[in-house]
N, C-alpha and C. Protein backbone atom coordinates (compact mmCIF):
# COMPACT_ATOMS: atom_id res chain seq x y z
N UNK A 1 0.83 -1.21 -0.01
CA UNK A 1 0.03 0.06 0.07
C UNK A 1 0.86 1.24 -0.02
N UNK A 2 0.75 2.05 -1.03
CA UNK A 2 1.64 3.14 -1.19
C UNK A 2 1.10 4.48 -0.87
N UNK A 3 0.07 4.60 -0.08
CA UNK A 3 -0.51 5.84 0.20
C UNK A 3 0.23 6.55 1.40
N UNK A 4 0.33 7.96 1.19
CA UNK A 4 1.00 8.76 2.15
C UNK A 4 -0.04 9.73 2.77
N UNK A 5 0.03 9.91 4.10
CA UNK A 5 -0.77 10.92 4.72
C UNK A 5 -0.17 12.30 4.41
N UNK A 6 -1.11 13.31 4.53
CA UNK A 6 -0.53 14.59 4.28
C UNK A 6 0.49 15.01 5.30
N UNK A 7 0.34 14.69 6.48
CA UNK A 7 1.32 15.04 7.49
C UNK A 7 2.74 14.35 7.31
N UNK A 8 2.67 13.15 6.73
CA UNK A 8 3.90 12.45 6.40
C UNK A 8 4.59 13.14 5.24
N UNK A 9 3.83 13.52 4.24
CA UNK A 9 4.40 14.08 3.08
C UNK A 9 5.00 15.54 3.45
N UNK A 10 4.34 16.23 4.23
CA UNK A 10 4.86 17.61 4.76
C UNK A 10 6.02 17.37 5.56
N UNK A 11 6.06 16.33 6.37
CA UNK A 11 7.15 16.04 7.30
C UNK A 11 8.47 15.65 6.53
N UNK A 12 8.30 15.15 5.34
CA UNK A 12 9.46 14.79 4.49
C UNK A 12 10.28 16.08 4.07
N UNK A 13 9.60 17.13 4.00
CA UNK A 13 10.16 18.35 3.48
C UNK A 13 10.39 18.34 1.93
N UNK A 14 9.60 17.56 1.30
CA UNK A 14 9.70 17.40 -0.18
C UNK A 14 9.44 18.72 -0.89
N UNK A 15 10.41 18.95 -1.79
CA UNK A 15 10.25 20.23 -2.64
C UNK A 15 10.07 19.82 -4.07
N UNK A 16 9.24 20.64 -4.73
CA UNK A 16 8.92 20.35 -6.23
C UNK A 16 8.66 21.66 -6.86
N UNK A 17 8.98 21.69 -8.17
CA UNK A 17 8.64 22.86 -8.93
C UNK A 17 7.64 22.55 -10.00
N UNK A 18 7.42 21.35 -10.39
CA UNK A 18 6.41 20.90 -11.30
C UNK A 18 5.32 20.10 -10.61
N UNK A 19 4.07 20.35 -10.99
CA UNK A 19 2.96 19.65 -10.37
C UNK A 19 2.13 19.00 -11.53
N UNK A 20 1.96 17.66 -11.45
CA UNK A 20 1.06 17.01 -12.50
C UNK A 20 -0.16 16.45 -11.75
N UNK A 21 -1.35 16.88 -12.20
CA UNK A 21 -2.55 16.25 -11.55
C UNK A 21 -3.26 15.47 -12.64
N UNK A 22 -3.17 14.03 -12.33
CA UNK A 22 -3.75 13.11 -13.22
C UNK A 22 -5.20 12.90 -12.89
N UNK A 23 -5.97 12.57 -13.81
CA UNK A 23 -7.42 12.49 -13.72
C UNK A 23 -8.03 13.69 -13.10
N UNK A 24 -7.50 14.83 -13.62
CA UNK A 24 -7.98 16.15 -13.09
C UNK A 24 -9.47 16.53 -13.41
N UNK A 25 -10.07 15.77 -14.36
CA UNK A 25 -11.39 16.03 -14.63
C UNK A 25 -12.30 15.56 -13.48
N UNK A 26 -11.78 14.71 -12.62
CA UNK A 26 -12.58 14.28 -11.46
C UNK A 26 -12.14 15.05 -10.23
N UNK A 27 -11.11 15.96 -10.28
CA UNK A 27 -10.69 16.78 -9.24
C UNK A 27 -11.58 18.01 -9.00
N UNK A 28 -11.96 18.27 -7.84
CA UNK A 28 -12.74 19.48 -7.57
C UNK A 28 -11.73 20.62 -7.43
N UNK A 29 -12.27 21.78 -7.79
CA UNK A 29 -11.37 22.96 -7.80
C UNK A 29 -10.55 23.15 -6.38
N UNK A 30 -11.41 23.02 -5.35
CA UNK A 30 -10.77 23.21 -4.06
C UNK A 30 -9.59 22.17 -3.81
N UNK A 31 -9.71 21.04 -4.33
CA UNK A 31 -8.68 19.98 -4.13
C UNK A 31 -7.44 20.39 -4.89
N UNK A 32 -7.44 21.11 -5.88
CA UNK A 32 -6.34 21.46 -6.65
C UNK A 32 -5.38 22.35 -5.77
N UNK A 33 -5.80 23.05 -4.80
CA UNK A 33 -5.14 24.00 -4.00
C UNK A 33 -4.19 23.17 -2.94
N UNK A 34 -4.61 21.98 -2.48
CA UNK A 34 -3.92 21.25 -1.50
C UNK A 34 -2.38 21.06 -1.83
N UNK A 35 -2.05 20.43 -3.05
CA UNK A 35 -0.61 20.20 -3.31
C UNK A 35 0.07 21.56 -3.66
N UNK A 36 -0.64 22.50 -3.99
CA UNK A 36 0.02 23.85 -4.32
C UNK A 36 0.44 24.53 -3.02
N UNK A 37 -0.27 24.24 -1.89
CA UNK A 37 -0.02 24.93 -0.73
C UNK A 37 0.75 24.08 0.33
N UNK A 38 1.06 22.81 0.01
CA UNK A 38 1.73 21.93 0.85
C UNK A 38 3.21 22.34 1.19
N UNK A 39 3.78 22.92 0.13
CA UNK A 39 5.20 23.33 0.20
C UNK A 39 5.52 24.71 0.73
N UNK A 40 6.54 24.86 1.33
CA UNK A 40 7.00 26.20 1.89
C UNK A 40 7.47 27.04 0.77
N UNK A 41 7.27 28.31 0.75
CA UNK A 41 7.78 29.18 -0.26
C UNK A 41 9.20 29.46 -0.10
N UNK A 42 9.99 29.71 -1.13
CA UNK A 42 11.35 29.99 -1.18
C UNK A 42 11.49 31.56 -1.23
N UNK A 43 12.00 32.30 -0.29
CA UNK A 43 12.13 33.69 -0.31
C UNK A 43 10.78 34.36 -0.59
N UNK A 44 9.72 33.87 0.00
CA UNK A 44 8.46 34.50 -0.17
C UNK A 44 7.67 34.24 -1.50
N UNK A 45 8.29 33.40 -2.32
CA UNK A 45 7.63 33.05 -3.60
C UNK A 45 7.45 31.52 -3.74
N UNK A 46 6.34 31.17 -4.47
CA UNK A 46 6.12 29.74 -4.75
C UNK A 46 7.20 29.17 -5.60
N UNK A 47 7.49 27.91 -5.35
CA UNK A 47 8.59 27.26 -6.16
C UNK A 47 7.98 26.74 -7.59
N UNK A 48 6.61 26.76 -7.59
CA UNK A 48 6.01 26.15 -8.73
C UNK A 48 6.30 26.91 -10.02
N UNK A 49 6.72 26.23 -11.04
CA UNK A 49 6.94 26.81 -12.44
C UNK A 49 5.89 26.30 -13.41
N UNK A 50 5.47 25.07 -13.14
CA UNK A 50 4.37 24.53 -14.05
C UNK A 50 3.30 23.71 -13.21
N UNK A 51 2.11 23.91 -13.72
CA UNK A 51 1.05 23.05 -13.09
C UNK A 51 0.29 22.36 -14.36
N UNK A 52 0.33 21.11 -14.47
CA UNK A 52 -0.31 20.42 -15.63
C UNK A 52 -1.54 19.60 -15.16
N UNK A 53 -2.61 19.76 -15.82
CA UNK A 53 -3.76 19.00 -15.63
C UNK A 53 -4.04 18.04 -16.71
N UNK A 54 -4.11 16.72 -16.31
CA UNK A 54 -4.33 15.66 -17.36
C UNK A 54 -5.58 14.96 -16.93
N UNK A 55 -6.46 14.84 -17.93
CA UNK A 55 -7.72 14.06 -17.66
C UNK A 55 -8.64 14.15 -18.86
N UNK A 56 -9.67 13.35 -18.75
CA UNK A 56 -10.74 13.20 -19.90
C UNK A 56 -12.03 13.50 -19.19
N UNK A 57 -12.69 14.61 -19.47
CA UNK A 57 -13.87 14.96 -18.84
C UNK A 57 -15.05 14.15 -19.42
N UNK A 58 -14.83 13.34 -20.43
CA UNK A 58 -15.85 12.55 -21.04
C UNK A 58 -15.89 11.15 -20.33
N UNK A 59 -14.98 10.85 -19.50
CA UNK A 59 -14.96 9.52 -18.84
C UNK A 59 -15.81 9.45 -17.54
N UNK A 60 -15.34 10.22 -16.55
CA UNK A 60 -15.99 10.29 -15.24
C UNK A 60 -16.02 11.73 -14.66
N UNK A 61 -17.22 12.04 -14.11
CA UNK A 61 -17.38 13.37 -13.61
C UNK A 61 -16.86 13.35 -12.15
N UNK A 62 -16.61 14.51 -11.46
CA UNK A 62 -16.21 14.58 -10.08
C UNK A 62 -17.32 13.89 -9.24
N UNK A 63 -16.81 13.26 -8.10
CA UNK A 63 -17.60 12.52 -7.25
C UNK A 63 -18.07 13.48 -6.06
N UNK A 64 -19.25 13.81 -5.84
CA UNK A 64 -19.71 14.64 -4.75
C UNK A 64 -20.82 13.73 -3.93
N UNK A 65 -20.41 13.38 -2.75
CA UNK A 65 -21.26 12.48 -1.93
C UNK A 65 -22.33 13.21 -1.23
N UNK A 66 -22.15 14.60 -0.93
CA UNK A 66 -23.18 15.29 -0.08
C UNK A 66 -24.26 15.72 -1.06
N UNK A 67 -25.62 15.33 -0.79
CA UNK A 67 -26.65 15.68 -1.68
C UNK A 67 -26.93 17.22 -1.69
N UNK A 68 -26.72 17.94 -0.60
CA UNK A 68 -26.90 19.44 -0.59
C UNK A 68 -25.88 20.16 -1.54
N UNK A 69 -24.57 19.61 -1.46
CA UNK A 69 -23.61 20.17 -2.27
C UNK A 69 -23.92 19.75 -3.75
N UNK A 70 -24.38 18.59 -3.95
CA UNK A 70 -24.74 18.20 -5.44
C UNK A 70 -25.84 19.23 -5.96
N UNK A 71 -26.82 19.49 -5.13
CA UNK A 71 -27.89 20.31 -5.62
C UNK A 71 -27.66 21.81 -5.69
N UNK A 72 -27.05 22.25 -4.62
CA UNK A 72 -26.88 23.78 -4.47
C UNK A 72 -25.50 24.34 -4.67
N UNK A 73 -24.50 23.57 -4.49
CA UNK A 73 -23.13 24.07 -4.51
C UNK A 73 -22.47 24.01 -5.88
N UNK A 74 -23.00 23.31 -6.82
CA UNK A 74 -22.39 23.02 -8.16
C UNK A 74 -21.05 22.49 -7.95
N UNK A 75 -20.76 21.74 -6.97
CA UNK A 75 -19.47 21.16 -6.73
C UNK A 75 -19.17 19.98 -7.69
N UNK A 76 -20.17 19.55 -8.32
CA UNK A 76 -20.06 18.47 -9.38
C UNK A 76 -19.50 18.97 -10.69
N UNK A 77 -19.19 20.27 -10.85
CA UNK A 77 -18.64 20.94 -12.04
C UNK A 77 -17.10 20.62 -11.96
N UNK A 78 -16.61 19.97 -13.01
CA UNK A 78 -15.18 19.65 -12.97
C UNK A 78 -14.39 20.84 -13.48
N UNK A 79 -13.08 20.90 -13.46
CA UNK A 79 -12.32 21.99 -13.98
C UNK A 79 -12.46 22.12 -15.42
N UNK A 80 -12.87 21.13 -16.17
CA UNK A 80 -13.05 21.27 -17.54
C UNK A 80 -14.41 21.69 -17.88
């Protein structure tokens, strides 16, 4: 099982300047901010140089389990 918890990832001090989000047609907009904000800035600026979204919006839509959010929040709208 290769899953990492967020606290483990932050504790590793991992630094990156490229971010690839696979299956991003299923990612909610708010979820895209998590990996962007997990790293500490260098000299007050983000290290990110590139953010790439890869996915097919014709395959699967975002999964929203809360019925109120489905109906009123439009959280089922993907980034595409």
